[in-house]
C-alpha atoms as a PDB file:
ATOM      1  CA  MET A   1     165.772  93.784 187.591  1.00  0.00           C
ATOM      2  CA  ILE A   2     165.730  96.527 185.060  1.00  0.00           C
ATOM      3  CA  GLU A   3     166.013  93.934 182.372  1.00  0.00           C
ATOM      4  CA  GLN A   4     163.092  92.004 183.769  1.00  0.00           C
ATOM      5  CA  GLN A   5     161.120  95.144 184.269  1.00  0.00           C
ATOM      6  CA  ASP A   6     161.919  96.303 180.840  1.00  0.00           C
ATOM      7  CA  PRO A   7     160.145  93.379 179.087  1.00  0.00           C
ATOM      8  CA  LEU A   8     157.428  93.586 181.676  1.00  0.00           C
ATOM      9  CA  PHE A   9     157.206  97.302 181.139  1.00  0.00           C
ATOM     10  CA  GLU A  10     157.051  96.757 177.401  1.00  0.00           C
ATOM     11  CA  ALA A  11     154.376  94.110 177.779  1.00  0.00           C
ATOM     12  CA  GLN A  12     152.346  96.374 180.069  1.00  0.00           C
ATOM     13  CA  SER A  13     152.875  99.250 177.712  1.00  0.00           C
ATOM     14  CA  GLU A  14     151.799  97.096 174.819  1.00  0.00           C
ATOM     15  CA  LEU A  15     148.825  95.860 176.828  1.00  0.00           C
ATOM     16  CA  ARG A  16     147.791  99.472 177.551  1.00  0.00           C
ATOM     17  CA  TYR A  17     148.197 100.313 173.874  1.00  0.00           C
ATOM     18  CA  MET A  18     146.068  97.293 172.922  1.00  0.00           C
ATOM     19  CA  LYS A  19     143.411  98.286 175.492  1.00  0.00           C
ATOM     20  CA  GLN A  20     143.380 101.803 174.050  1.00  0.00           C
ATOM     21  CA  THR A  21     143.120 100.350 170.517  1.00  0.00           C
ATOM     22  CA  VAL A  22     140.302  98.050 171.612  1.00  0.00           C
ATOM     23  CA  ALA A  23     138.520 100.998 173.251  1.00  0.00           C
ATOM     24  CA  ALA A  24     139.014 103.100 170.108  1.00  0.00           C
ATOM     25  CA  LEU A  25     137.754 100.230 167.937  1.00  0.00           C
ATOM     26  CA  ARG A  26     134.729  99.795 170.253  1.00  0.00           C
ATOM     27  CA  ASP A  27     133.963 103.492 169.963  1.00  0.00           C
ATOM     28  CA  GLU A  28     134.364 103.283 166.196  1.00  0.00           C
ATOM     29  CA  LEU A  29     132.208 100.144 166.083  1.00  0.00           C
ATOM     30  CA  GLU A  30     129.560 101.839 168.214  1.00  0.00           C
ATOM     31  CA  HIS A  31     129.677 104.897 165.983  1.00  0.00           C
ATOM     32  CA  ALA A  32     129.396 102.639 162.861  1.00  0.00           C
ATOM     33  CA  ARG A  33     126.486 100.775 164.470  1.00  0.00           C
ATOM     34  CA  GLN A  34     124.699 104.060 165.166  1.00  0.00           C
ATOM     35  CA  GLN A  35     125.298 105.207 161.582  1.00  0.00           C
ATOM     36  CA  SER A  36     124.085 101.832 160.325  1.00  0.00           C
ATOM     37  CA  GLU A  37     120.934 102.069 162.457  1.00  0.00           C
ATOM     38  CA  GLN A  38     120.361 105.605 161.222  1.00  0.00           C
ATOM     39  CA  ALA A  39     120.895 104.420 157.643  1.00  0.00           C
ATOM     40  CA  VAL A  40     118.480 101.509 158.215  1.00  0.00           C
ATOM     41  CA  GLN A  41     115.900 103.869 159.724  1.00  0.00           C
ATOM     42  CA  HIS A  42     116.390 106.254 156.833  1.00  0.00           C
ATOM     43  CA  ALA A  43     116.098 103.362 154.357  1.00  0.00           C
ATOM     44  CA  VAL A  44     112.954 102.077 156.116  1.00  0.00           C
ATOM     45  CA  SER A  45     111.520 105.576 156.056  1.00  0.00           C
ATOM     46  CA  SER A  46     112.415 105.986 152.363  1.00  0.00           C
ATOM     47  CA  ALA A  47     111.052 102.513 151.596  1.00  0.00           C
ATOM     48  CA  SER A  48     107.810 103.324 153.419  1.00  0.00           C
ATOM     49  CA  SER A  49     107.540 106.561 151.500  1.00  0.00           C
ATOM     50  CA  GLY A  50     108.431 104.774 148.229  1.00  0.00           C
ATOM     51  CA  THR A  51     105.925 102.014 149.031  1.00  0.00           C
ATOM     52  CA  ALA A  52     103.197 104.566 149.614  1.00  0.00           C
ATOM     53  CA  GLN A  53     104.070 106.280 146.344  1.00  0.00           C
ATOM     54  CA  LEU A  54     104.155 102.912 144.545  1.00  0.00           C
ATOM     55  CA  LYS A  55     100.766 101.989 145.994  1.00  0.00           C
ATOM     56  CA  MET A  56      99.341 105.285 144.754  1.00  0.00           C
ATOM     57  CA  THR A  57     100.963 104.730 141.355  1.00  0.00           C
ATOM     58  CA  ILE A  58      99.610 101.170 141.225  1.00  0.00           C
ATOM     59  CA  ALA A  59      96.110 102.401 142.052  1.00  0.00           C
ATOM     60  CA  ALA A  60      96.354 105.070 139.353  1.00  0.00           C
ATOM     61  CA  LEU A  61      97.689 102.526 136.838  1.00  0.00           C
ATOM     62  CA  ARG A  62      94.860 100.098 137.723  1.00  0.00           C
ATOM     63  CA  ASP A  63      92.313 102.825 137.075  1.00  0.00           C
ATOM     64  CA  GLU A  64      94.041 103.712 133.822  1.00  0.00           C
ATOM     65  CA  LEU A  65      94.198 100.032 132.845  1.00  0.00           C
ATOM     66  CA  GLU A  66      90.485  99.556 133.523  1.00  0.00           C
ATOM     67  CA  GLU A  67      89.729 102.650 131.490  1.00  0.00           C
ATOM     68  CA  SER A  68      91.987 101.372 128.715  1.00  0.00           C
ATOM     69  CA  ARG A  69      90.278  97.951 128.774  1.00  0.00           C
ATOM     70  CA  ALA A  70      86.864  99.556 128.500  1.00  0.00           C
ATOM     71  CA  THR A  71      88.063 101.741 125.605  1.00  0.00           C
ATOM     72  CA  ARG A  72      89.678  98.756 123.937  1.00  0.00           C
ATOM     73  CA  GLU A  73      86.541  96.643 124.300  1.00  0.00           C
ATOM     74  CA  GLN A  74      84.503  99.408 122.749  1.00  0.00           C
ATOM     75  CA  ALA A  75      87.048  99.734 119.898  1.00  0.00           C
ATOM     76  CA  VAL A  76      87.032  95.947 119.361  1.00  0.00           C
ATOM     77  CA  GLN A  77      83.225  95.889 119.164  1.00  0.00           C
ATOM     78  CA  HIS A  78      83.260  98.792 116.735  1.00  0.00           C
ATOM     79  CA  ALA A  79      85.979  97.147 114.630  1.00  0.00           C
ATOM     80  CA  HIS A  80      84.085  93.823 114.710  1.00  0.00           C
ATOM     81  CA  ALA A  81      80.895  95.500 113.489  1.00  0.00           C
ATOM     82  CA  ALA A  82      82.833  97.336 110.765  1.00  0.00           C
ATOM     83  CA  SER A  83      84.587  94.132 109.659  1.00  0.00           C
ATOM     84  CA  GLU A  84      81.257  92.253 109.556  1.00  0.00           C
ATOM     85  CA  ASP A  85      79.824  94.972 107.341  1.00  0.00           C
ATOM     86  CA  GLU A  86      82.902  94.934 105.124  1.00  0.00           C
ATOM     87  CA  LEU A  87      82.754  91.126 104.962  1.00  0.00           C
ATOM     88  CA  ARG A  88      79.125  91.272 103.768  1.00  0.00           C
ATOM     89  CA  GLN A  89      80.076  93.822 101.108  1.00  0.00           C
ATOM     90  CA  LEU A  90      83.039  91.724  99.993  1.00  0.00           C
ATOM     91  CA  LYS A  91      80.889  88.597  99.732  1.00  0.00           C
ATOM     92  CA  ALA A  92      78.413  90.502  97.564  1.00  0.00           C
ATOM     93  CA  THR A  93      81.265  91.803  95.403  1.00  0.00           C
ATOM     94  CA  VAL A  94      82.721  88.293  95.086  1.00  0.00           C
ATOM     95  CA  ALA A  95      79.342  86.912  93.986  1.00  0.00           C
ATOM     96  CA  THR A  96      78.967  89.690  91.391  1.00  0.00           C
ATOM     97  CA  LEU A  97      82.515  89.170  90.108  1.00  0.00           C
ATOM     98  CA  ARG A  98      81.962  85.407  89.961  1.00  0.00           C
ATOM     99  CA  ASP A  99      78.841  85.938  87.813  1.00  0.00           C
ATOM    100  CA  GLN A 100      80.707  88.371  85.553  1.00  0.00           C
ATOM    101  CA  LEU A 101      83.616  85.941  85.275  1.00  0.00           C
ATOM    102  CA  GLU A 102      81.287  83.091  84.316  1.00  0.00           C
ATOM    103  CA  ALA A 103      79.608  85.292  81.683  1.00  0.00           C
ATOM    104  CA  ALA A 104      83.008  86.338  80.343  1.00  0.00           C
ATOM    105  CA  ARG A 105      84.125  82.696  80.277  1.00  0.00           C
ATOM    106  CA  LEU A 106      81.044  81.673  78.271  1.00  0.00           C
ATOM    107  CA  GLU A 107      81.568  84.591  75.897  1.00  0.00           C
ATOM    108  CA  LYS A 108      85.236  83.683  75.518  1.00  0.00           C
ATOM    109  CA  ASP A 109      84.412  80.007  74.875  1.00  0.00           C
ATOM    110  CA  HIS A 110      81.934  81.063  72.180  1.00  0.00           C
ATOM    111  CA  ALA A 111      84.482  83.442  70.617  1.00  0.00           C
ATOM    112  CA  VAL A 112      87.156  80.714  70.721  1.00  0.00           C
ATOM    113  CA  SER A 113      84.802  78.230  69.050  1.00  0.00           C
ATOM    114  CA  GLN A 114      84.007  80.744  66.316  1.00  0.00           C
ATOM    115  CA  ALA A 115      87.686  81.593  65.875  1.00  0.00           C
ATOM    116  CA  LEU A 116      88.582  77.890  65.646  1.00  0.00           C
ATOM    117  CA  ALA A 117      85.868  77.294  63.049  1.00  0.00           C
ATOM    118  CA  ALA A 118      87.034  80.324  61.041  1.00  0.00           C
ATOM    119  CA  ALA A 119      90.664  79.222  61.356  1.00  0.00           C
ATOM    120  CA  GLN A 120      89.778  75.673  60.243  1.00  0.00           C
ATOM    121  CA  ASN A 121      87.868  77.063  57.270  1.00  0.00           C
ATOM    122  CA  GLU A 122      90.804  79.326  56.385  1.00  0.00           C
ATOM    123  CA  ILE A 123      93.239  76.398  56.750  1.00  0.00           C
ATOM    124  CA  THR A 124      91.115  74.328  54.363  1.00  0.00           C
ATOM    125  CA  GLN A 125      91.054  77.206  51.864  1.00  0.00           C
ATOM    126  CA  LEU A 126      94.804  77.694  52.230  1.00  0.00           C
ATOM    127  CA  HIS A 127      95.434  73.988  51.631  1.00  0.00           C
ATOM    128  CA  GLY A 128      93.401  74.281  48.421  1.00  0.00           C
ATOM    129  CA  THR A 129      95.323  77.410  47.416  1.00  0.00           C
ATOM    130  CA  ILE A 130      98.637  75.686  48.175  1.00  0.00           C
ATOM    131  CA  ALA A 131      97.671  72.685  46.023  1.00  0.00           C
ATOM    132  CA  SER A 132      96.663  75.009  43.182  1.00  0.00           C
ATOM    133  CA  LEU A 133      99.851  77.017  43.483  1.00  0.00           C
ATOM    134  CA  ARG A 134     101.969  73.854  43.510  1.00  0.00           C
ATOM    135  CA  GLU A 135     100.279  72.696  40.353  1.00  0.00           C
ATOM    136  CA  LEU A 136     100.823  76.114  38.770  1.00  0.00           C
ATOM    137  CA  VAL A 137     104.489  76.110  39.846  1.00  0.00           C
ATOM    138  CA  GLU A 138     104.997  72.643  38.393  1.00  0.00           C
ATOM    139  CA  ARG A 139     103.397  73.677  35.096  1.00  0.00           C
ATOM    140  CA  THR A 140     105.382  76.906  35.066  1.00  0.00           C
ATOM    141  CA  THR A 141     108.563  74.963  35.812  1.00  0.00           C
ATOM    142  CA  VAL A 142     107.892  72.587  32.919  1.00  0.00           C
ATOM    143  CA  VAL A 143     107.156  75.515  30.555  1.00  0.00           C
ATOM    144  CA  LYS A 144     110.258  77.360  31.773  1.00  0.00           C
ATOM    145  CA  GLU A 145     112.447  74.286  31.358  1.00  0.00           C
ATOM    146  CA  ASP A 146     111.078  73.809  27.817  1.00  0.00           C
ATOM    147  CA  ALA A 147     111.751  77.502  27.054  1.00  0.00           C
ATOM    148  CA  VAL A 148     115.282  77.228  28.523  1.00  0.00           C
ATOM    149  CA  SER A 149     115.922  74.122  26.434  1.00  0.00           C
ATOM    150  CA  ALA A 150     114.681  75.901  23.295  1.00  0.00           C
ATOM    151  CA  ILE A 151     116.817  78.957  24.060  1.00  0.00           C
ATOM    152  CA  ARG A 152     119.865  76.722  24.669  1.00  0.00           C
ATOM    153  CA  ALA A 153     119.301  74.965  21.369  1.00  0.00           C
ATOM    154  CA  GLN A 154     118.919  78.328  19.617  1.00  0.00           C
ATOM    155  CA  HIS A 155     122.089  79.611  21.322  1.00  0.00           C
ATOM    156  CA  GLN A 156     123.980  76.494  20.356  1.00  0.00           C
ATOM    157  CA  ALA A 157     122.906  77.024  16.755  1.00  0.00           C
ATOM    158  CA  GLU A 158     123.963  80.683  16.921  1.00  0.00           C
ATOM    159  CA  ILE A 159     127.272  79.729  18.538  1.00  0.00           C
ATOM    160  CA  GLY A 160     127.830  77.215  15.742  1.00  0.00           C
ATOM    161  CA  GLN A 161     127.087  79.887  13.103  1.00  0.00           C
ATOM    162  CA  LEU A 162     129.276  82.440  14.867  1.00  0.00           C
ATOM    163  CA  GLN A 163     132.123  79.956  15.142  1.00  0.00           C
ATOM    164  CA  GLY A 164     131.734  79.228  11.402  1.00  0.00           C
ATOM    165  CA  THR A 165     131.774  82.971  10.699  1.00  0.00           C
ATOM    166  CA  VAL A 166     134.837  83.490  12.918  1.00  0.00           C
ATOM    167  CA  HIS A 167     136.576  80.627  11.138  1.00  0.00           C
ATOM    168  CA  ALA A 168     135.722  82.020   7.709  1.00  0.00           C
ATOM    169  CA  LEU A 169     136.914  85.522   8.741  1.00  0.00           C
ATOM    170  CA  ARG A 170     140.205  84.086  10.014  1.00  0.00           C
ATOM    171  CA  ASP A 171     140.713  82.337   6.734  1.00  0.00           C
ATOM    172  CA  GLN A 172     140.057  85.611   4.879  1.00  0.00           C
ATOM    173  CA  ILE A 173     142.435  87.533   7.163  1.00  0.00           C
ATOM    174  CA  GLU A 174     145.143  84.932   6.613  1.00  0.00           C
ATOM    175  CA  ALA A 175     144.556  84.967   2.885  1.00  0.00           C
ATOM    176  CA  SER A 176     144.767  88.796   2.901  1.00  0.00           C
ATOM    177  CA  ARG A 177     147.988  88.690   4.879  1.00  0.00           C
ATOM    178  CA  ALA A 178     149.438  86.077   2.516  1.00  0.00           C
ATOM    179  CA  GLY A 179     148.453  88.233  -0.505  1.00  0.00           C
ATOM    180  CA  LEU A 180     150.063  91.290   1.032  1.00  0.00           C
ATOM    181  CA  ALA A 181     153.200  89.447   1.943  1.00  0.00           C
ATOM    182  CA  THR A 182     153.809  88.323  -1.608  1.00  0.00           C
END
């Protein structure tokens, strides 16, 4: 019976151990539940406090936003008035510049017309001068060619005379050498 009691004893022992474990786990669970409830209460308290602070912050931000909107509206109206004034001034400046530009354009067109007329007149004069100079060059070329031809003819005559003189001097030198050799 010891053998039968032994497994029974072990089972009872194990059952007691399990009951003790269950009791310990229940105590631990109860303790965890209490801590969780305390944490939840603390969180709710903190959230309520945070919510109150957020509500106060929101109210302050709303006031600040309204103040900012009013300031911005005033700045926009001021900027709009300033830009309208500047726009009027710019339109007046544009009109003045447009008139000045038109006057300058007319003056430039007149100056260009005068310059073109003067240039055309000068071109006509230059064409006349070119024709005269061509004629003069052609005449000068003819005179120069005639002078060159005359000089060539004169040189040819001189060359002929010099060659005759050289030939006569050679003959004399040869005759002198022949007379000396005998």
